[in-house]
Amino acid sequence: RIDGMIKGNVSSKAKIIIGQSGIVEGNIVCANIEIEGNVK
């Protein structure tokens, strides 16, 4: 679960949740993802 900020790639063999305050700037590879925040 990401509610903070990540500048880099994210990889998970399971589920990723990006909360409303979450920011990801990088590529993502995962099984499932739920996005409420910002992804670039």
PDB file of all heavy atoms in Angstrom:
ATOM      1  N   ARG A   1       0.863  -1.182   0.000  1.00  0.00           N
ATOM      2  CA  ARG A   1       0.000   0.000   0.000  1.00  0.00           C
ATOM      3  C   ARG A   1       0.896   1.227   0.000  1.00  0.00           C
ATOM      4  O   ARG A   1       1.803   1.340   0.828  1.00  0.00           O
ATOM      5  CB  ARG A   1      -0.932   0.033   1.200  1.00  0.00           C
ATOM      6  CG  ARG A   1      -1.809   1.271   1.179  1.00  0.00           C
ATOM      7  CD  ARG A   1      -2.899   1.276   2.214  1.00  0.00           C
ATOM      8  NE  ARG A   1      -3.638   2.517   2.103  1.00  0.00           N
ATOM      9  CZ  ARG A   1      -4.775   2.674   1.451  1.00  0.00           C
ATOM     10  NH1 ARG A   1      -5.323   1.640   0.852  1.00  0.00           N
ATOM     11  NH2 ARG A   1      -5.372   3.834   1.395  1.00  0.00           N
ATOM     12  N   ILE A   2       0.620   2.141  -0.936  1.00  0.00           N
ATOM     13  CA  ILE A   2       1.443   3.341  -1.075  1.00  0.00           C
ATOM     14  C   ILE A   2       0.574   4.568  -0.828  1.00  0.00           C
ATOM     15  O   ILE A   2      -0.336   4.865  -1.611  1.00  0.00           O
ATOM     16  CB  ILE A   2       2.081   3.406  -2.483  1.00  0.00           C
ATOM     17  CG1 ILE A   2       2.950   2.164  -2.719  1.00  0.00           C
ATOM     18  CG2 ILE A   2       2.885   4.693  -2.644  1.00  0.00           C
ATOM     19  CD1 ILE A   2       3.366   1.957  -4.158  1.00  0.00           C
ATOM     20  N   ASP A   3       0.837   5.257   0.284  1.00  0.00           N
ATOM     21  CA  ASP A   3       0.157   6.513   0.590  1.00  0.00           C
ATOM     22  C   ASP A   3       1.136   7.677   0.519  1.00  0.00           C
ATOM     23  O   ASP A   3       0.741   8.832   0.592  1.00  0.00           O
ATOM     24  CB  ASP A   3      -0.498   6.453   1.975  1.00  0.00           C
ATOM     25  CG  ASP A   3      -1.698   5.518   1.990  1.00  0.00           C
ATOM     26  OD1 ASP A   3      -2.554   5.632   1.099  1.00  0.00           O
ATOM     27  OD2 ASP A   3      -1.772   4.659   2.887  1.00  0.00           O
ATOM     28  N   GLY A   4       2.429   7.364   0.391  1.00  0.00           N
ATOM     29  CA  GLY A   4       3.469   8.370   0.253  1.00  0.00           C
ATOM     30  C   GLY A   4       3.849   8.532  -1.202  1.00  0.00           C
ATOM     31  O   GLY A   4       3.028   8.334  -2.098  1.00  0.00           O
ATOM     32  N   MET A   5       5.130   8.878  -1.434  1.00  0.00           N
ATOM     33  CA  MET A   5       5.608   9.134  -2.793  1.00  0.00           C
ATOM     34  C   MET A   5       6.777   8.217  -3.126  1.00  0.00           C
ATOM     35  O   MET A   5       7.683   8.055  -2.320  1.00  0.00           O
ATOM     36  CB  MET A   5       6.054  10.583  -2.930  1.00  0.00           C
ATOM     37  CG  MET A   5       6.593  10.943  -4.277  1.00  0.00           C
ATOM     38  SD  MET A   5       7.087  12.668  -4.287  1.00  0.00           S
ATOM     39  CE  MET A   5       7.203  12.954  -6.013  1.00  0.00           C
ATOM     40  N   ILE A   6       6.725   7.614  -4.321  1.00  0.00           N
ATOM     41  CA  ILE A   6       7.823   6.785  -4.805  1.00  0.00           C
ATOM     42  C   ILE A   6       8.257   7.320  -6.160  1.00  0.00           C
ATOM     43  O   ILE A   6       7.444   7.461  -7.074  1.00  0.00           O
ATOM     44  CB  ILE A   6       7.416   5.298  -4.939  1.00  0.00           C
ATOM     45  CG1 ILE A   6       7.092   4.718  -3.578  1.00  0.00           C
ATOM     46  CG2 ILE A   6       8.538   4.509  -5.618  1.00  0.00           C
ATOM     47  CD1 ILE A   6       6.693   3.263  -3.610  1.00  0.00           C
ATOM     48  N   LYS A   7       9.552   7.639  -6.270  1.00  0.00           N
ATOM     49  CA  LYS A   7      10.149   7.989  -7.560  1.00  0.00           C
ATOM     50  C   LYS A   7      11.059   6.838  -7.931  1.00  0.00           C
ATOM     51  O   LYS A   7      12.193   6.765  -7.471  1.00  0.00           O
ATOM     52  CB  LYS A   7      10.936   9.293  -7.462  1.00  0.00           C
ATOM     53  CG  LYS A   7      10.077  10.523  -7.361  1.00  0.00           C
ATOM     54  CD  LYS A   7      10.903  11.780  -7.461  1.00  0.00           C
ATOM     55  CE  LYS A   7       9.991  12.994  -7.442  1.00  0.00           C
ATOM     56  NZ  LYS A   7      10.748  14.244  -7.596  1.00  0.00           N
ATOM     57  N   GLY A   8      10.523   5.916  -8.704  1.00  0.00           N
ATOM     58  CA  GLY A   8      11.244   4.717  -9.098  1.00  0.00           C
ATOM     59  C   GLY A   8      10.252   3.657  -9.502  1.00  0.00           C
ATOM     60  O   GLY A   8       9.035   3.835  -9.382  1.00  0.00           O
ATOM     61  N   ASN A   9      10.745   2.542  -9.956  1.00  0.00           N
ATOM     62  CA  ASN A   9       9.888   1.454 -10.409  1.00  0.00           C
ATOM     63  C   ASN A   9       9.383   0.636  -9.231  1.00  0.00           C
ATOM     64  O   ASN A   9      10.075   0.496  -8.225  1.00  0.00           O
ATOM     65  CB  ASN A   9      10.652   0.557 -11.385  1.00  0.00           C
ATOM     66  CG  ASN A   9      11.098   1.322 -12.612  1.00  0.00           C
ATOM     67  OD1 ASN A   9      10.441   2.249 -13.068  1.00  0.00           O
ATOM     68  ND2 ASN A   9      12.234   0.947 -13.159  1.00  0.00           N
ATOM     69  N   VAL A  10       8.162   0.090  -9.373  1.00  0.00           N
ATOM     70  CA  VAL A  10       7.542  -0.727  -8.331  1.00  0.00           C
ATOM     71  C   VAL A  10       7.198  -2.082  -8.940  1.00  0.00           C
ATOM     72  O   VAL A  10       6.580  -2.153  -9.999  1.00  0.00           O
ATOM     73  CB  VAL A  10       6.271  -0.055  -7.773  1.00  0.00           C
ATOM     74  CG1 VAL A  10       5.632  -0.925  -6.714  1.00  0.00           C
ATOM     75  CG2 VAL A  10       6.583   1.330  -7.221  1.00  0.00           C
ATOM     76  N   SER A  11       7.590  -3.153  -8.244  1.00  0.00           N
ATOM     77  CA  SER A  11       7.315  -4.504  -8.715  1.00  0.00           C
ATOM     78  C   SER A  11       6.812  -5.350  -7.554  1.00  0.00           C
ATOM     79  O   SER A  11       7.429  -5.376  -6.489  1.00  0.00           O
ATOM     80  CB  SER A  11       8.591  -5.120  -9.294  1.00  0.00           C
ATOM     81  OG  SER A  11       8.361  -6.444  -9.673  1.00  0.00           O
ATOM     82  N   SER A  12       5.676  -6.016  -7.763  1.00  0.00           N
ATOM     83  CA  SER A  12       5.099  -6.879  -6.737  1.00  0.00           C
ATOM     84  C   SER A  12       4.494  -8.108  -7.397  1.00  0.00           C
ATOM     85  O   SER A  12       3.869  -8.004  -8.448  1.00  0.00           O
ATOM     86  CB  SER A  12       4.021  -6.143  -5.948  1.00  0.00           C
ATOM     87  OG  SER A  12       3.359  -7.029  -5.072  1.00  0.00           O
ATOM     88  N   LYS A  13       4.645  -9.260  -6.749  1.00  0.00           N
ATOM     89  CA  LYS A  13       4.015 -10.480  -7.252  1.00  0.00           C
ATOM     90  C   LYS A  13       2.577 -10.576  -6.746  1.00  0.00           C
ATOM     91  O   LYS A  13       1.890 -11.538  -7.029  1.00  0.00           O
ATOM     92  CB  LYS A  13       4.811 -11.702  -6.806  1.00  0.00           C
ATOM     93  CG  LYS A  13       6.176 -11.771  -7.469  1.00  0.00           C
ATOM     94  CD  LYS A  13       6.924 -13.006  -7.070  1.00  0.00           C
ATOM     95  CE  LYS A  13       8.288 -13.036  -7.746  1.00  0.00           C
ATOM     96  NZ  LYS A  13       9.071 -14.195  -7.360  1.00  0.00           N
ATOM     97  N   ALA A  14       2.137  -9.573  -5.996  1.00  0.00           N
ATOM     98  CA  ALA A  14       0.794  -9.575  -5.414  1.00  0.00           C
ATOM     99  C   ALA A  14       0.072  -8.281  -5.808  1.00  0.00           C
ATOM    100  O   ALA A  14       0.228  -7.793  -6.915  1.00  0.00           O
ATOM    101  CB  ALA A  14       0.893  -9.741  -3.905  1.00  0.00           C
ATOM    102  N   LYS A  15      -0.708  -7.712  -4.887  1.00  0.00           N
ATOM    103  CA  LYS A  15      -1.544  -6.539  -5.148  1.00  0.00           C
ATOM    104  C   LYS A  15      -0.869  -5.266  -4.656  1.00  0.00           C
ATOM    105  O   LYS A  15      -0.265  -5.250  -3.587  1.00  0.00           O
ATOM    106  CB  LYS A  15      -2.899  -6.697  -4.454  1.00  0.00           C
ATOM    107  CG  LYS A  15      -3.861  -5.566  -4.721  1.00  0.00           C
ATOM    108  CD  LYS A  15      -5.215  -5.827  -4.109  1.00  0.00           C
ATOM    109  CE  LYS A  15      -6.200  -4.730  -4.480  1.00  0.00           C
ATOM    110  NZ  LYS A  15      -7.527  -5.006  -3.962  1.00  0.00           N
ATOM    111  N   ILE A  16      -1.027  -4.201  -5.434  1.00  0.00           N
ATOM    112  CA  ILE A  16      -0.565  -2.877  -5.048  1.00  0.00           C
ATOM    113  C   ILE A  16      -1.786  -1.981  -4.921  1.00  0.00           C
ATOM    114  O   ILE A  16      -2.658  -1.989  -5.792  1.00  0.00           O
ATOM    115  CB  ILE A  16       0.403  -2.284  -6.089  1.00  0.00           C
ATOM    116  CG1 ILE A  16       1.680  -3.121  -6.165  1.00  0.00           C
ATOM    117  CG2 ILE A  16       0.734  -0.832  -5.766  1.00  0.00           C
ATOM    118  CD1 ILE A  16       2.635  -2.688  -7.257  1.00  0.00           C
ATOM    119  N   ILE A  17      -1.833  -1.212  -3.842  1.00  0.00           N
ATOM    120  CA  ILE A  17      -2.880  -0.201  -3.661  1.00  0.00           C
ATOM    121  C   ILE A  17      -2.183   1.140  -3.544  1.00  0.00           C
ATOM    122  O   ILE A  17      -1.300   1.312  -2.699  1.00  0.00           O
ATOM    123  CB  ILE A  17      -3.727  -0.466  -2.404  1.00  0.00           C
ATOM    124  CG1 ILE A  17      -4.455  -1.800  -2.519  1.00  0.00           C
ATOM    125  CG2 ILE A  17      -4.721   0.688  -2.183  1.00  0.00           C
ATOM    126  CD1 ILE A  17      -5.189  -2.222  -1.259  1.00  0.00           C
ATOM    127  N   ILE A  18      -2.580   2.078  -4.394  1.00  0.00           N
ATOM    128  CA  ILE A  18      -2.056   3.435  -4.314  1.00  0.00           C
ATOM    129  C   ILE A  18      -3.186   4.291  -3.769  1.00  0.00           C
ATOM    130  O   ILE A  18      -4.188   4.533  -4.443  1.00  0.00           O
ATOM    131  CB  ILE A  18      -1.563   3.931  -5.680  1.00  0.00           C
ATOM    132  CG1 ILE A  18      -0.445   2.997  -6.175  1.00  0.00           C
ATOM    133  CG2 ILE A  18      -1.078   5.371  -5.587  1.00  0.00           C
ATOM    134  CD1 ILE A  18       0.023   3.266  -7.569  1.00  0.00           C
ATOM    135  N   GLY A  19      -3.043   4.713  -2.507  1.00  0.00           N
ATOM    136  CA  GLY A  19      -4.076   5.497  -1.823  1.00  0.00           C
ATOM    137  C   GLY A  19      -4.241   6.880  -2.422  1.00  0.00           C
ATOM    138  O   GLY A  19      -3.457   7.306  -3.277  1.00  0.00           O
ATOM    139  N   GLN A  20      -5.246   7.620  -1.944  1.00  0.00           N
ATOM    140  CA  GLN A  20      -5.550   8.947  -2.483  1.00  0.00           C
ATOM    141  C   GLN A  20      -4.376   9.902  -2.387  1.00  0.00           C
ATOM    142  O   GLN A  20      -4.186  10.733  -3.257  1.00  0.00           O
ATOM    143  CB  GLN A  20      -6.764   9.541  -1.774  1.00  0.00           C
ATOM    144  CG  GLN A  20      -8.064   8.937  -2.219  1.00  0.00           C
ATOM    145  CD  GLN A  20      -9.272   9.684  -1.669  1.00  0.00           C
ATOM    146  OE1 GLN A  20      -9.163  10.790  -1.163  1.00  0.00           O
ATOM    147  NE2 GLN A  20     -10.425   9.053  -1.766  1.00  0.00           N
ATOM    148  N   SER A  21      -3.564   9.788  -1.341  1.00  0.00           N
ATOM    149  CA  SER A  21      -2.403  10.668  -1.195  1.00  0.00           C
ATOM    150  C   SER A  21      -1.156  10.076  -1.848  1.00  0.00           C
ATOM    151  O   SER A  21      -0.103  10.698  -1.857  1.00  0.00           O
ATOM    152  CB  SER A  21      -2.132  10.936   0.285  1.00  0.00           C
ATOM    153  OG  SER A  21      -1.838   9.723   0.957  1.00  0.00           O
ATOM    154  N   GLY A  22      -1.270   8.874  -2.416  1.00  0.00           N
ATOM    155  CA  GLY A  22      -0.127   8.185  -3.010  1.00  0.00           C
ATOM    156  C   GLY A  22       0.263   8.727  -4.370  1.00  0.00           C
ATOM    157  O   GLY A  22      -0.589   9.105  -5.171  1.00  0.00           O
ATOM    158  N   ILE A  23       1.581   8.776  -4.598  1.00  0.00           N
ATOM    159  CA  ILE A  23       2.127   9.235  -5.875  1.00  0.00           C
ATOM    160  C   ILE A  23       3.233   8.261  -6.279  1.00  0.00           C
ATOM    161  O   ILE A  23       4.129   7.981  -5.482  1.00  0.00           O
ATOM    162  CB  ILE A  23       2.719  10.657  -5.760  1.00  0.00           C
ATOM    163  CG1 ILE A  23       1.653  11.655  -5.337  1.00  0.00           C
ATOM    164  CG2 ILE A  23       3.381  11.068  -7.075  1.00  0.00           C
ATOM    165  CD1 ILE A  23       2.204  13.035  -4.987  1.00  0.00           C
ATOM    166  N   VAL A  24       3.156   7.762  -7.505  1.00  0.00           N
ATOM    167  CA  VAL A  24       4.210   6.907  -8.040  1.00  0.00           C
ATOM    168  C   VAL A  24       4.647   7.494  -9.373  1.00  0.00           C
ATOM    169  O   VAL A  24       3.823   7.726 -10.256  1.00  0.00           O
ATOM    170  CB  VAL A  24       3.754   5.450  -8.224  1.00  0.00           C
ATOM    171  CG1 VAL A  24       4.847   4.629  -8.901  1.00  0.00           C
ATOM    172  CG2 VAL A  24       3.374   4.829  -6.895  1.00  0.00           C
ATOM    173  N   GLU A  25       5.955   7.738  -9.491  1.00  0.00           N
ATOM    174  CA  GLU A  25       6.544   8.198 -10.738  1.00  0.00           C
ATOM    175  C   GLU A  25       7.556   7.146 -11.173  1.00  0.00           C
ATOM    176  O   GLU A  25       8.711   7.193 -10.772  1.00  0.00           O
ATOM    177  CB  GLU A  25       7.210   9.561 -10.562  1.00  0.00           C
ATOM    178  CG  GLU A  25       6.224  10.673 -10.259  1.00  0.00           C
ATOM    179  CD  GLU A  25       6.880  12.030 -10.066  1.00  0.00           C
ATOM    180  OE1 GLU A  25       8.114  12.142 -10.235  1.00  0.00           O
ATOM    181  OE2 GLU A  25       6.157  12.969  -9.721  1.00  0.00           O
ATOM    182  N   GLY A  26       7.077   6.169 -11.916  1.00  0.00           N
ATOM    183  CA  GLY A  26       7.920   5.071 -12.373  1.00  0.00           C
ATOM    184  C   GLY A  26       7.058   3.943 -12.894  1.00  0.00           C
ATOM    185  O   GLY A  26       5.842   3.931 -12.708  1.00  0.00           O
ATOM    186  N   ASN A  27       7.671   2.986 -13.537  1.00  0.00           N
ATOM    187  CA  ASN A  27       6.950   1.850 -14.094  1.00  0.00           C
ATOM    188  C   ASN A  27       6.487   0.905 -12.994  1.00  0.00           C
ATOM    189  O   ASN A  27       7.135   0.808 -11.945  1.00  0.00           O
ATOM    190  CB  ASN A  27       7.828   1.112 -15.099  1.00  0.00           C
ATOM    191  CG  ASN A  27       8.169   1.985 -16.286  1.00  0.00           C
ATOM    192  OD1 ASN A  27       7.406   2.872 -16.664  1.00  0.00           O
ATOM    193  ND2 ASN A  27       9.321   1.753 -16.870  1.00  0.00           N
ATOM    194  N   ILE A  28       5.374   0.220 -13.246  1.00  0.00           N
ATOM    195  CA  ILE A  28       4.798  -0.694 -12.267  1.00  0.00           C
ATOM    196  C   ILE A  28       4.542  -2.041 -12.922  1.00  0.00           C
ATOM    197  O   ILE A  28       3.998  -2.113 -14.028  1.00  0.00           O
ATOM    198  CB  ILE A  28       3.477  -0.137 -11.690  1.00  0.00           C
ATOM    199  CG1 ILE A  28       3.734   1.199 -10.986  1.00  0.00           C
ATOM    200  CG2 ILE A  28       2.831  -1.142 -10.745  1.00  0.00           C
ATOM    201  CD1 ILE A  28       2.480   1.913 -10.517  1.00  0.00           C
ATOM    202  N   VAL A  29       4.920  -3.118 -12.217  1.00  0.00           N
ATOM    203  CA  VAL A  29       4.626  -4.491 -12.635  1.00  0.00           C
ATOM    204  C   VAL A  29       4.034  -5.183 -11.419  1.00  0.00           C
ATOM    205  O   VAL A  29       4.637  -5.165 -10.341  1.00  0.00           O
ATOM    206  CB  VAL A  29       5.905  -5.236 -13.094  1.00  0.00           C
ATOM    207  CG1 VAL A  29       5.585  -6.684 -13.432  1.00  0.00           C
ATOM    208  CG2 VAL A  29       6.545  -4.534 -14.274  1.00  0.00           C
ATOM    209  N   CYS A  30       2.839  -5.795 -11.572  1.00  0.00           N
ATOM    210  CA  CYS A  30       2.203  -6.455 -10.430  1.00  0.00           C
ATOM    211  C   CYS A  30       1.119  -7.420 -10.900  1.00  0.00           C
ATOM    212  O   CYS A  30       0.786  -7.468 -12.079  1.00  0.00           O
ATOM    213  CB  CYS A  30       1.609  -5.419  -9.481  1.00  0.00           C
ATOM    214  SG  CYS A  30       0.343  -4.391 -10.232  1.00  0.00           S
ATOM    215  N   ALA A  31       0.551  -8.152  -9.936  1.00  0.00           N
ATOM    216  CA  ALA A  31      -0.538  -9.070 -10.238  1.00  0.00           C
ATOM    217  C   ALA A  31      -1.863  -8.311 -10.359  1.00  0.00           C
ATOM    218  O   ALA A  31      -2.634  -8.524 -11.293  1.00  0.00           O
ATOM    219  CB  ALA A  31      -0.640 -10.149  -9.167  1.00  0.00           C
ATOM    220  N   ASN A  32      -2.148  -7.428  -9.398  1.00  0.00           N
ATOM    221  CA  ASN A  32      -3.360  -6.601  -9.371  1.00  0.00           C
ATOM    222  C   ASN A  32      -2.987  -5.232  -8.839  1.00  0.00           C
ATOM    223  O   ASN A  32      -2.067  -5.116  -8.031  1.00  0.00           O
ATOM    224  CB  ASN A  32      -4.418  -7.210  -8.441  1.00  0.00           C
ATOM    225  CG  ASN A  32      -4.947  -8.518  -8.950  1.00  0.00           C
ATOM    226  OD1 ASN A  32      -5.711  -8.563  -9.897  1.00  0.00           O
ATOM    227  ND2 ASN A  32      -4.521  -9.607  -8.324  1.00  0.00           N
ATOM    228  N   ILE A  33      -3.735  -4.202  -9.249  1.00  0.00           N
ATOM    229  CA  ILE A  33      -3.481  -2.861  -8.740  1.00  0.00           C
ATOM    230  C   ILE A  33      -4.787  -2.085  -8.611  1.00  0.00           C
ATOM    231  O   ILE A  33      -5.689  -2.224  -9.448  1.00  0.00           O
ATOM    232  CB  ILE A  33      -2.467  -2.093  -9.620  1.00  0.00           C
ATOM    233  CG1 ILE A  33      -2.045  -0.784  -8.947  1.00  0.00           C
ATOM    234  CG2 ILE A  33      -3.009  -1.860 -11.004  1.00  0.00           C
ATOM    235  CD1 ILE A  33      -0.812  -0.142  -9.571  1.00  0.00           C
ATOM    236  N   GLU A  34      -4.868  -1.310  -7.547  1.00  0.00           N
ATOM    237  CA  GLU A  34      -6.004  -0.420  -7.307  1.00  0.00           C
ATOM    238  C   GLU A  34      -5.417   0.976  -7.130  1.00  0.00           C
ATOM    239  O   GLU A  34      -4.592   1.198  -6.248  1.00  0.00           O
ATOM    240  CB  GLU A  34      -6.727  -0.858  -6.041  1.00  0.00           C
ATOM    241  CG  GLU A  34      -7.976  -0.100  -5.725  1.00  0.00           C
ATOM    242  CD  GLU A  34      -8.671  -0.677  -4.511  1.00  0.00           C
ATOM    243  OE1 GLU A  34      -9.038  -1.874  -4.549  1.00  0.00           O
ATOM    244  OE2 GLU A  34      -8.827   0.069  -3.523  1.00  0.00           O
ATOM    245  N   ILE A  35      -5.827   1.911  -7.996  1.00  0.00           N
ATOM    246  CA  ILE A  35      -5.261   3.254  -7.968  1.00  0.00           C
ATOM    247  C   ILE A  35      -6.325   4.253  -7.535  1.00  0.00           C
ATOM    248  O   ILE A  35      -7.368   4.372  -8.166  1.00  0.00           O
ATOM    249  CB  ILE A  35      -4.684   3.643  -9.339  1.00  0.00           C
ATOM    250  CG1 ILE A  35      -3.605   2.644  -9.767  1.00  0.00           C
ATOM    251  CG2 ILE A  35      -4.125   5.066  -9.307  1.00  0.00           C
ATOM    252  CD1 ILE A  35      -3.086   2.843 -11.180  1.00  0.00           C
ATOM    253  N   GLU A  36      -6.025   4.971  -6.448  1.00  0.00           N
ATOM    254  CA  GLU A  36      -6.869   6.066  -5.971  1.00  0.00           C
ATOM    255  C   GLU A  36      -6.139   7.397  -6.108  1.00  0.00           C
ATOM    256  O   GLU A  36      -6.753   8.443  -6.127  1.00  0.00           O
ATOM    257  CB  GLU A  36      -7.243   5.846  -4.506  1.00  0.00           C
ATOM    258  CG  GLU A  36      -8.035   4.591  -4.243  1.00  0.00           C
ATOM    259  CD  GLU A  36      -8.252   4.330  -2.762  1.00  0.00           C
ATOM    260  OE1 GLU A  36      -7.867   5.176  -1.927  1.00  0.00           O
ATOM    261  OE2 GLU A  36      -8.816   3.276  -2.433  1.00  0.00           O
ATOM    262  N   GLY A  37      -4.810   7.342  -6.181  1.00  0.00           N
ATOM    263  CA  GLY A  37      -3.972   8.535  -6.222  1.00  0.00           C
ATOM    264  C   GLY A  37      -3.429   8.812  -7.610  1.00  0.00           C
ATOM    265  O   GLY A  37      -4.120   8.620  -8.607  1.00  0.00           O
ATOM    266  N   ASN A  38      -2.162   9.249  -7.675  1.00  0.00           N
ATOM    267  CA  ASN A  38      -1.543   9.694  -8.915  1.00  0.00           C
ATOM    268  C   ASN A  38      -0.419   8.762  -9.348  1.00  0.00           C
ATOM    269  O   ASN A  38       0.442   8.423  -8.535  1.00  0.00           O
ATOM    270  CB  ASN A  38      -0.971  11.106  -8.740  1.00  0.00           C
ATOM    271  CG  ASN A  38      -2.044  12.118  -8.451  1.00  0.00           C
ATOM    272  OD1 ASN A  38      -2.856  12.416  -9.313  1.00  0.00           O
ATOM    273  ND2 ASN A  38      -2.067  12.646  -7.238  1.00  0.00           N
ATOM    274  N   VAL A  39      -0.444   8.398 -10.626  1.00  0.00           N
ATOM    275  CA  VAL A  39       0.612   7.562 -11.195  1.00  0.00           C
ATOM    276  C   VAL A  39       1.043   8.177 -12.522  1.00  0.00           C
ATOM    277  O   VAL A  39       0.217   8.491 -13.377  1.00  0.00           O
ATOM    278  CB  VAL A  39       0.131   6.114 -11.436  1.00  0.00           C
ATOM    279  CG1 VAL A  39       1.207   5.309 -12.148  1.00  0.00           C
ATOM    280  CG2 VAL A  39      -0.262   5.450 -10.130  1.00  0.00           C
ATOM    281  N   LYS A  40       2.363   8.348 -12.655  1.00  0.00           N
ATOM    282  CA  LYS A  40       2.945   8.806 -13.921  1.00  0.00           C
ATOM    283  C   LYS A  40       3.986   7.763 -14.287  1.00  0.00           C
ATOM    284  O   LYS A  40       5.011   7.647 -13.618  1.00  0.00           O
ATOM    285  CB  LYS A  40       3.581  10.185 -13.774  1.00  0.00           C
ATOM    286  CG  LYS A  40       4.104  10.748 -15.063  1.00  0.00           C
ATOM    287  CD  LYS A  40       4.643  12.147 -14.885  1.00  0.00           C
ATOM    288  CE  LYS A  40       5.136  12.682 -16.218  1.00  0.00           C
ATOM    289  NZ  LYS A  40       5.713  14.035 -16.060  1.00  0.00           N
TER     290      LYS A  40
END
